[in-house]
Amino acid sequence: MMAGREGTILRMGVALTPGVTAEMVRRIEETGIALNDFFACDTSELSATLGLQSLKLDKLLREEALFKARKEIEFVERHGIRVYYLGDDDYPMLLRETEDAPVVLYQLGETDLDAEHIMNIVGTRRNTAYAVSFCETFIKSLAEYFPDMVIVSGLAYGIDSLAHKGALENGLPTVAVVAHGLDTIYPAANRDLARRILKNGGSIVTEYPSGTTPFQKRFLERNRIVAGLSELTLVVESPIKGGAMSTANMAFSYSREVGAVPGRVSDPMSEGCNLMIRKQKANLITSVADVIEIMGWRPAGVAVKPKQRNLFPELQGEAREIYEILKYSSDPISIDGLYQKTKIHIPKLTSTLTEMEFDGIIVRLPGNRYALAM
C-alpha cells in the first residue's frame, strides 16, 4: 500500500467517499484493490470487484472525495495530526475489532492508543456531588495502581470533564473523543481543558475532517469510538436515556466489559446505572478493587498467578480452529490477526475468545492479543 503523503491522501479520500464503511475497507483489503485503483476504476468494475453490486460508488463522488483529501492534507500537516487508516497495521487494535470502526481516525497529540491499560469514564452532563466525590477518589486510586492508565472520555460537560480533569490532576494521559473536526472545540467552554489535555501528554481524536460541525447524530457516532478504544466502559451517573447509556450499550455489543456506579434508587441521575446493573449488562463498581477483579489487570508491582488449563481441551468448531492457530504460533495474535486467518465473523470471534479466556484455555495480553494459557 502506498506510503507517505500521497498514501495519506488516498486513505483520507477513501474515508471521505460517501457510502464507504469499515466493511468496505475490509473488502478492499481482502480483494487486494490498490487505493489508486479504488479511485481510477469505473463504478461497475469497482462494485463487481468488491462484490457490492447494490452499492454504486459513483466515480464522480470518489473524485470529489480525493479532491477534499488533497485540501485536508494541508490542515493535517500544518497541525501535526496523525491519520490512522483502518487497513493499516498501526490503527488502534481495540478499535479495529469493532464492526463499525471509523475508516480513518485523526489524532492530535501523542497518546498511545494501544496502551496496556485503557478505559473510558462517561456519564451525565448534569452530575451530582456524589459523582464528583466518586471520580476524585476513584481516579486518584486508579493512578496509584495503574500509573500507565489512559482515560478516554468525550470532552462534554459533567462526568466527561470530571474524568479528563481527574486524569490530569493525577498525572494520567487522557484522550478526548470529539464529534467534530479538529479545527474547533465543542463546547467552547472546554477549550482550556482541551489545551491542558494536549499539554500534558493527552490527545484529541475524531473521525471527522476539519470544517465538520457537531450535531446530535455525530455525538452518537462519537460514542462508538469512546467504547471501541477502551477495554472497560465505566458509567458513573446517567439517567435511563442519555449518551453514556449509548456508549455502554455499544461497549456491551462489542463484548467489552461494562461497569456502573450504583446510586440511590430515588436519584434520577443514577437510574441508568442501577438499571444496567439490574439487567446484568454492567458490573457493579464501587472502587478500583472491583475493576481489578473484573478485568484481571495486574497492578504495578503485584504478581498474579496464571490460570491453569486442561492441556488437551476438547474443543469443537470455532474454538478448535482458534486453538490450533494459537498452538502453532510463536507470538501472540490480535483479534484482527485471528480474523484474517479464520474469517470468523467478528462478533462470533469475540464471543468465542471470551469463552475460551473464561475457561482458562487462552489469555488476553496487552494490546488485546491472545495466546494459549501456560
Protein backbone atom coordinates (compact mmCIF):
# COMPACT_ATOMS: atom_id res chain seq x y z
CA MET A 1 0.00 0.00 0.00
CA MET A 2 1.32 3.43 -0.92
CA ALA A 3 3.08 5.20 1.94
CA GLY A 4 3.97 8.82 2.57
CA ARG A 5 1.99 11.94 1.81
CA GLU A 6 0.25 10.59 -1.26
CA GLY A 7 -0.71 7.44 0.59
CA THR A 8 -2.27 9.51 3.38
CA ILE A 9 -4.24 11.50 0.82
CA LEU A 10 -5.59 8.29 -0.72
CA ARG A 11 -6.56 6.91 2.70
CA MET A 12 -8.40 10.09 3.63
CA GLY A 13 -10.02 10.11 0.22
CA VAL A 14 -11.43 6.62 0.81
CA ALA A 15 -12.86 7.75 4.16
CA LEU A 16 -14.39 10.87 2.61
CA THR A 17 -16.15 8.89 -0.13
CA PRO A 18 -19.90 8.69 0.61
CA GLY A 19 -21.01 5.17 1.43
CA VAL A 20 -17.61 3.79 2.40
CA THR A 21 -17.74 1.81 5.66
CA ALA A 22 -15.44 -0.41 7.70
CA GLU A 23 -16.93 -3.42 5.93
CA MET A 24 -15.99 -1.99 2.57
CA VAL A 25 -12.42 -1.22 3.67
CA ARG A 26 -12.08 -4.83 4.79
CA ARG A 27 -13.36 -5.92 1.36
CA ILE A 28 -10.78 -3.67 -0.27
CA GLU A 29 -8.06 -5.32 1.81
CA GLU A 30 -9.34 -8.85 1.12
CA THR A 31 -9.59 -8.32 -2.63
CA GLY A 32 -6.21 -6.59 -2.83
CA ILE A 33 -7.52 -3.49 -4.59
CA ALA A 34 -4.84 -0.78 -4.60
CA LEU A 35 -6.12 2.57 -3.34
CA ASN A 36 -5.07 4.19 -6.63
CA ASP A 37 -7.36 1.74 -8.40
CA PHE A 38 -10.18 2.48 -5.96
CA PHE A 39 -10.31 5.98 -7.43
CA ALA A 40 -9.39 5.05 -11.02
CA CYS A 41 -11.84 2.16 -11.65
CA ASP A 42 -15.23 2.86 -13.20
CA THR A 43 -18.25 2.37 -10.98
CA SER A 44 -19.44 -1.00 -12.32
CA GLU A 45 -15.95 -2.54 -12.26
CA LEU A 46 -15.31 -1.43 -8.67
CA SER A 47 -18.69 -2.65 -7.42
CA ALA A 48 -18.20 -6.01 -9.11
CA THR A 49 -14.68 -6.44 -7.71
CA LEU A 50 -15.87 -5.64 -4.20
CA GLY A 51 -18.92 -7.85 -4.58
CA LEU A 52 -21.19 -4.98 -3.61
CA GLN A 53 -23.38 -4.65 -6.65
CA SER A 54 -26.15 -2.87 -4.75
CA LEU A 55 -23.83 -0.03 -3.72
CA LYS A 56 -22.91 2.34 -6.52
CA LEU A 57 -19.65 4.10 -5.73
CA ASP A 58 -20.07 6.84 -8.29
CA LYS A 59 -16.72 7.80 -9.82
CA LEU A 60 -17.51 11.50 -9.61
CA LEU A 61 -18.13 11.21 -5.86
CA ARG A 62 -14.81 9.39 -5.46
CA GLU A 63 -13.01 12.11 -7.39
CA GLU A 64 -14.64 14.81 -5.24
CA ALA A 65 -13.57 12.93 -2.10
CA LEU A 66 -9.99 12.75 -3.34
CA PHE A 67 -10.05 16.50 -4.06
CA LYS A 68 -11.23 17.17 -0.49
CA ALA A 69 -8.46 14.92 0.83
CA ARG A 70 -5.83 16.91 -1.05
CA LYS A 71 -7.07 20.03 0.74
CA GLU A 72 -7.34 18.27 4.11
CA ILE A 73 -3.71 17.11 3.99
CA GLU A 74 -2.62 20.73 4.32
CA PHE A 75 -4.55 21.09 7.59
CA VAL A 76 -3.26 17.73 8.85
CA GLU A 77 0.38 18.57 8.12
CA ARG A 78 0.14 22.11 9.46
CA HIS A 79 -1.09 20.91 12.86
CA GLY A 80 0.93 17.69 13.16
CA ILE A 81 -2.18 15.48 13.13
CA ARG A 82 -1.71 11.73 12.83
CA VAL A 83 -4.02 9.85 10.49
CA TYR A 84 -4.86 6.19 11.18
CA TYR A 85 -6.41 4.17 8.35
CA LEU A 86 -8.39 1.02 9.13
CA GLY A 87 -6.42 -1.00 6.61
CA ASP A 88 -3.03 -0.17 8.19
CA ASP A 89 -1.18 -2.06 10.92
CA ASP A 90 -0.82 0.97 13.20
CA TYR A 91 -4.59 1.52 13.52
CA PRO A 92 -5.61 1.21 17.22
CA MET A 93 -6.08 -2.51 17.83
CA LEU A 94 -9.10 -2.40 20.13
CA LEU A 95 -10.97 -0.05 17.82
CA ARG A 96 -10.11 -2.17 14.78
CA GLU A 97 -12.04 -5.09 16.30
CA THR A 98 -15.38 -3.26 16.13
CA GLU A 99 -17.58 -3.89 13.12
CA ASP A 100 -18.36 -0.19 12.67
CA ALA A 101 -14.87 1.20 13.24
CA PRO A 102 -14.19 4.59 11.61
CA VAL A 103 -12.37 4.30 8.30
CA VAL A 104 -9.88 6.91 9.48
CA LEU A 105 -9.10 8.36 12.88
CA TYR A 106 -7.42 11.74 13.28
CA GLN A 107 -5.25 12.21 16.39
CA LEU A 108 -3.90 15.49 17.72
CA GLY A 109 -1.41 14.54 20.44
CA GLU A 110 0.94 11.64 21.10
CA THR A 111 -1.00 9.34 23.48
CA ASP A 112 -0.52 5.62 22.90
CA LEU A 113 -3.94 4.41 21.75
CA ASP A 114 -2.74 0.82 22.21
CA ALA A 115 -1.78 1.35 25.84
CA GLU A 116 -1.66 -1.70 28.11
CA HIS A 117 -4.45 -0.28 30.27
CA ILE A 118 -7.13 1.88 28.69
CA MET A 119 -10.67 2.59 29.88
CA ASN A 120 -13.33 5.23 29.45
CA ILE A 121 -15.28 7.09 32.11
CA VAL A 122 -18.59 8.60 30.98
CA GLY A 123 -21.87 9.83 32.35
CA THR A 124 -24.45 12.57 32.51
CA ARG A 125 -23.75 16.23 31.82
CA ARG A 126 -25.77 17.10 34.94
CA ASN A 127 -23.70 15.29 37.52
CA THR A 128 -24.29 15.46 41.27
CA ALA A 129 -21.83 15.99 44.12
CA TYR A 130 -21.87 12.21 44.56
CA ALA A 131 -20.25 11.81 41.12
CA VAL A 132 -17.65 14.48 41.86
CA SER A 133 -16.62 12.69 45.04
CA PHE A 134 -16.53 9.28 43.34
CA CYS A 135 -14.46 10.48 40.36
CA GLU A 136 -11.91 12.24 42.57
CA THR A 137 -11.40 9.21 44.80
CA PHE A 138 -11.58 6.59 42.05
CA ILE A 139 -9.18 8.25 39.61
CA LYS A 140 -6.65 9.02 42.35
CA SER A 141 -6.69 5.36 43.37
CA LEU A 142 -6.58 4.26 39.73
CA ALA A 143 -3.40 6.27 39.17
CA GLU A 144 -1.76 4.65 42.21
CA TYR A 145 -2.45 1.13 40.96
CA PHE A 146 -2.03 1.82 37.22
CA PRO A 147 0.27 4.79 36.56
CA ASP A 148 0.16 3.89 32.85
CA MET A 149 -3.65 4.05 32.63
CA VAL A 150 -5.15 6.01 29.72
CA ILE A 151 -8.57 7.50 30.43
CA VAL A 152 -10.87 8.12 27.48
CA SER A 153 -13.95 10.36 27.52
CA GLY A 154 -15.94 12.73 25.32
CA LEU A 155 -14.94 16.26 26.44
CA ALA A 156 -18.57 17.09 27.31
CA TYR A 157 -19.79 18.87 30.42
CA GLY A 158 -20.34 16.84 33.57
CA ILE A 159 -18.79 13.41 34.02
CA ASP A 160 -16.65 13.67 30.87
CA SER A 161 -14.97 16.82 32.17
CA LEU A 162 -14.54 15.27 35.61
CA ALA A 163 -12.83 12.26 34.01
CA HIS A 164 -10.41 14.39 31.98
CA LYS A 165 -9.63 16.72 34.90
CA GLY A 166 -9.16 13.80 37.29
CA ALA A 167 -6.68 12.23 34.90
CA LEU A 168 -4.75 15.50 34.56
CA GLU A 169 -4.64 16.04 38.32
CA ASN A 170 -3.21 12.56 38.83
CA GLY A 171 -0.66 12.51 36.03
CA LEU A 172 -2.56 10.17 33.71
CA PRO A 173 -2.80 10.75 29.96
CA THR A 174 -6.36 11.30 28.78
CA VAL A 175 -7.97 11.08 25.35
CA ALA A 176 -10.90 13.28 24.36
CA VAL A 177 -13.03 11.90 21.52
CA VAL A 178 -14.93 14.72 19.79
CA ALA A 179 -17.87 14.86 17.38
CA HIS A 180 -16.41 17.44 15.01
CA GLY A 181 -13.24 18.39 13.13
CA LEU A 182 -10.03 19.26 14.95
CA ASP A 183 -10.22 22.90 13.88
CA THR A 184 -12.64 23.65 16.70
CA ILE A 185 -13.56 22.59 20.23
CA TYR A 186 -17.09 21.95 21.47
CA PRO A 187 -18.27 23.00 23.95
CA ALA A 188 -16.27 26.23 23.68
CA ALA A 189 -16.05 26.44 27.48
CA ASN A 190 -13.80 23.36 27.40
CA ARG A 191 -11.15 24.89 25.15
CA ASP A 192 -8.83 25.48 28.09
CA LEU A 193 -9.37 21.87 29.21
CA ALA A 194 -8.50 20.69 25.70
CA ARG A 195 -5.28 22.71 25.78
CA ARG A 196 -4.37 21.21 29.15
CA ILE A 197 -5.03 17.71 27.80
CA LEU A 198 -2.64 18.25 24.90
CA LYS A 199 0.00 19.96 27.06
CA ASN A 200 0.07 17.02 29.49
CA GLY A 201 0.55 14.13 27.08
CA GLY A 202 -3.10 13.61 26.16
CA SER A 203 -4.82 13.66 22.79
CA ILE A 204 -7.92 14.80 20.99
CA VAL A 205 -9.23 12.35 18.40
CA THR A 206 -12.05 12.31 15.87
CA GLU A 207 -13.15 10.59 12.69
CA TYR A 208 -14.19 13.89 11.10
CA PRO A 209 -12.11 16.18 8.88
CA SER A 210 -11.68 19.88 9.58
CA GLY A 211 -14.75 22.01 8.97
CA THR A 212 -17.13 19.34 10.32
CA THR A 213 -19.52 20.83 12.87
CA PRO A 214 -21.15 18.91 15.74
CA PHE A 215 -24.80 17.84 15.77
CA GLN A 216 -26.75 15.14 17.60
CA LYS A 217 -26.11 12.23 15.21
CA ARG A 218 -22.36 12.82 15.36
CA PHE A 219 -22.32 12.64 19.15
CA LEU A 220 -23.90 9.19 18.93
CA GLU A 221 -21.33 8.18 16.31
CA ARG A 222 -18.59 9.57 18.56
CA ASN A 223 -19.74 7.31 21.40
CA ARG A 224 -18.85 4.14 19.50
CA ILE A 225 -15.23 5.36 19.30
CA VAL A 226 -15.17 6.06 23.04
CA ALA A 227 -16.39 2.49 23.62
CA GLY A 228 -14.25 0.94 20.88
CA LEU A 229 -10.95 2.38 22.09
CA SER A 230 -11.48 1.01 25.61
CA GLU A 231 -11.21 -2.32 27.36
CA LEU A 232 -13.65 -1.11 30.02
CA THR A 233 -16.52 1.39 29.92
CA LEU A 234 -17.44 2.89 33.29
CA VAL A 235 -20.69 4.84 33.67
CA VAL A 236 -20.58 6.98 36.81
CA GLU A 237 -24.03 8.60 36.65
CA SER A 238 -26.71 8.52 33.98
CA PRO A 239 -30.46 8.72 33.61
CA ILE A 240 -32.10 5.88 31.68
CA LYS A 241 -31.74 7.79 28.42
CA GLY A 242 -28.53 9.56 27.53
CA GLY A 243 -25.25 9.48 25.66
CA ALA A 244 -23.49 7.50 28.37
CA MET A 245 -26.08 4.75 28.07
CA SER A 246 -25.50 4.56 24.33
CA THR A 247 -21.74 4.28 24.95
CA ALA A 248 -22.33 1.48 27.47
CA ASN A 249 -24.68 -0.38 25.14
CA MET A 250 -22.14 -0.14 22.32
CA ALA A 251 -19.40 -1.46 24.59
CA PHE A 252 -21.69 -4.33 25.62
CA SER A 253 -22.38 -5.12 21.95
CA TYR A 254 -18.60 -5.23 21.34
CA SER A 255 -18.29 -7.83 24.13
CA ARG A 256 -16.26 -5.36 26.18
CA GLU A 257 -16.55 -5.07 29.94
CA VAL A 258 -19.03 -2.50 31.23
CA GLY A 259 -19.16 -1.13 34.76
CA ALA A 260 -21.63 1.15 36.51
CA VAL A 261 -21.52 3.02 39.79
CA PRO A 262 -24.66 2.28 41.83
CA GLY A 263 -26.72 5.15 43.19
CA ARG A 264 -29.75 5.81 45.34
CA VAL A 265 -33.00 4.42 43.93
CA SER A 266 -34.56 7.87 44.35
CA ASP A 267 -31.89 9.64 42.30
CA PRO A 268 -32.84 10.12 38.61
CA MET A 269 -29.16 10.62 37.73
CA SER A 270 -28.44 7.03 38.83
CA GLU A 271 -31.43 5.34 37.20
CA GLY A 272 -29.43 4.28 34.15
CA CYS A 273 -26.58 2.81 36.20
CA ASN A 274 -28.95 0.94 38.50
CA LEU A 275 -30.87 -0.42 35.52
CA MET A 276 -27.74 -1.75 33.80
CA ILE A 277 -26.62 -3.46 36.99
CA ARG A 278 -30.07 -4.98 37.50
CA LYS A 279 -30.21 -6.21 33.89
CA GLN A 280 -26.69 -7.65 34.27
CA LYS A 281 -25.39 -5.52 31.44
CA ALA A 282 -22.88 -3.84 33.75
CA ASN A 283 -20.69 -4.88 36.65
CA LEU A 284 -21.21 -3.04 39.93
CA ILE A 285 -18.22 -0.77 40.52
CA THR A 286 -17.54 0.90 43.86
CA SER A 287 -13.75 1.05 43.79
CA VAL A 288 -10.63 0.23 41.79
CA ALA A 289 -10.56 -3.15 43.53
CA ASP A 290 -13.74 -4.07 41.62
CA VAL A 291 -12.06 -3.09 38.36
CA ILE A 292 -9.01 -5.23 39.13
CA GLU A 293 -11.20 -8.22 39.88
CA ILE A 294 -13.35 -7.81 36.76
CA MET A 295 -10.56 -7.02 34.30
CA GLY A 296 -7.85 -9.27 35.71
CA TRP A 297 -5.42 -6.38 35.33
CA ARG A 298 -2.13 -6.65 37.17
CA PRO A 299 -1.50 -3.61 39.40
CA ALA A 300 2.02 -2.19 39.38
CA GLY A 301 4.35 -4.37 41.47
CA VAL A 302 1.79 -7.12 42.13
CA ALA A 303 2.35 -10.66 40.84
CA VAL A 304 -0.67 -12.60 39.59
CA LYS A 305 -0.71 -16.39 39.38
CA PRO A 306 -1.83 -17.52 35.90
CA LYS A 307 -4.90 -19.69 35.49
CA GLN A 308 -4.44 -23.42 34.99
CA ARG A 309 -5.96 -25.12 32.00
CA ASN A 310 -6.53 -28.55 30.58
CA LEU A 311 -3.54 -29.23 28.32
CA PHE A 312 -5.74 -31.07 25.82
CA PRO A 313 -9.09 -29.25 25.83
CA GLU A 314 -11.93 -30.96 23.99
CA LEU A 315 -12.81 -28.14 21.62
CA GLN A 316 -15.01 -28.02 18.57
CA GLY A 317 -15.89 -25.58 15.81
CA GLU A 318 -14.51 -22.05 16.03
CA ALA A 319 -12.84 -22.68 19.40
CA ARG A 320 -10.89 -25.61 17.99
CA GLU A 321 -9.81 -23.57 14.96
CA ILE A 322 -8.59 -20.72 17.18
CA TYR A 323 -6.80 -23.16 19.49
CA GLU A 324 -4.91 -24.76 16.60
CA ILE A 325 -3.78 -21.38 15.25
CA LEU A 326 -2.52 -20.19 18.64
CA LYS A 327 -0.91 -23.56 19.34
CA TYR A 328 1.41 -23.26 16.37
CA SER A 329 2.05 -19.52 16.63
CA SER A 330 5.30 -18.37 18.24
CA ASP A 331 3.81 -14.95 19.06
CA PRO A 332 0.50 -13.72 20.50
CA ILE A 333 -2.10 -12.86 17.85
CA SER A 334 -4.52 -9.93 17.80
CA ILE A 335 -8.22 -10.33 17.06
CA ASP A 336 -7.60 -8.80 13.66
CA GLY A 337 -4.89 -11.37 13.00
CA LEU A 338 -7.20 -14.20 14.06
CA TYR A 339 -9.93 -12.80 11.83
CA GLN A 340 -7.57 -12.74 8.86
CA LYS A 341 -6.63 -16.39 9.48
CA THR A 342 -10.08 -17.77 10.32
CA LYS A 343 -12.57 -15.41 8.63
CA ILE A 344 -14.85 -15.99 11.62
CA HIS A 345 -17.37 -13.13 11.85
CA ILE A 346 -16.01 -10.56 14.35
CA PRO A 347 -18.89 -10.80 16.91
CA LYS A 348 -18.67 -14.61 16.93
CA LEU A 349 -14.88 -14.49 17.11
CA THR A 350 -15.01 -12.08 20.07
CA SER A 351 -17.56 -14.15 22.00
CA THR A 352 -15.61 -17.37 21.36
CA LEU A 353 -12.39 -15.78 22.61
CA THR A 354 -14.20 -14.55 25.72
CA GLU A 355 -15.48 -18.07 26.46
CA MET A 356 -12.03 -19.58 25.92
CA GLU A 357 -10.44 -16.99 28.21
CA PHE A 358 -13.06 -17.68 30.88
CA ASP A 359 -12.31 -21.40 30.64
CA GLY A 360 -8.60 -20.73 31.14
CA ILE A 361 -7.65 -22.00 27.68
CA ILE A 362 -6.24 -18.70 26.42
CA VAL A 363 -5.01 -15.48 27.98
CA ARG A 364 -5.55 -11.93 26.79
CA LEU A 365 -2.31 -9.93 26.70
CA PRO A 366 -1.66 -6.17 26.44
CA GLY A 367 -2.88 -4.75 23.16
CA ASN A 368 -5.75 -7.26 23.14
CA ARG A 369 -3.56 -10.02 21.76
CA TYR A 370 -4.17 -13.68 22.58
CA ALA A 371 -2.02 -16.69 23.37
CA LEU A 372 -2.57 -20.13 24.87
CA ALA A 373 -2.53 -20.14 28.67
CA MET A 374 0.65 -21.55 30.16
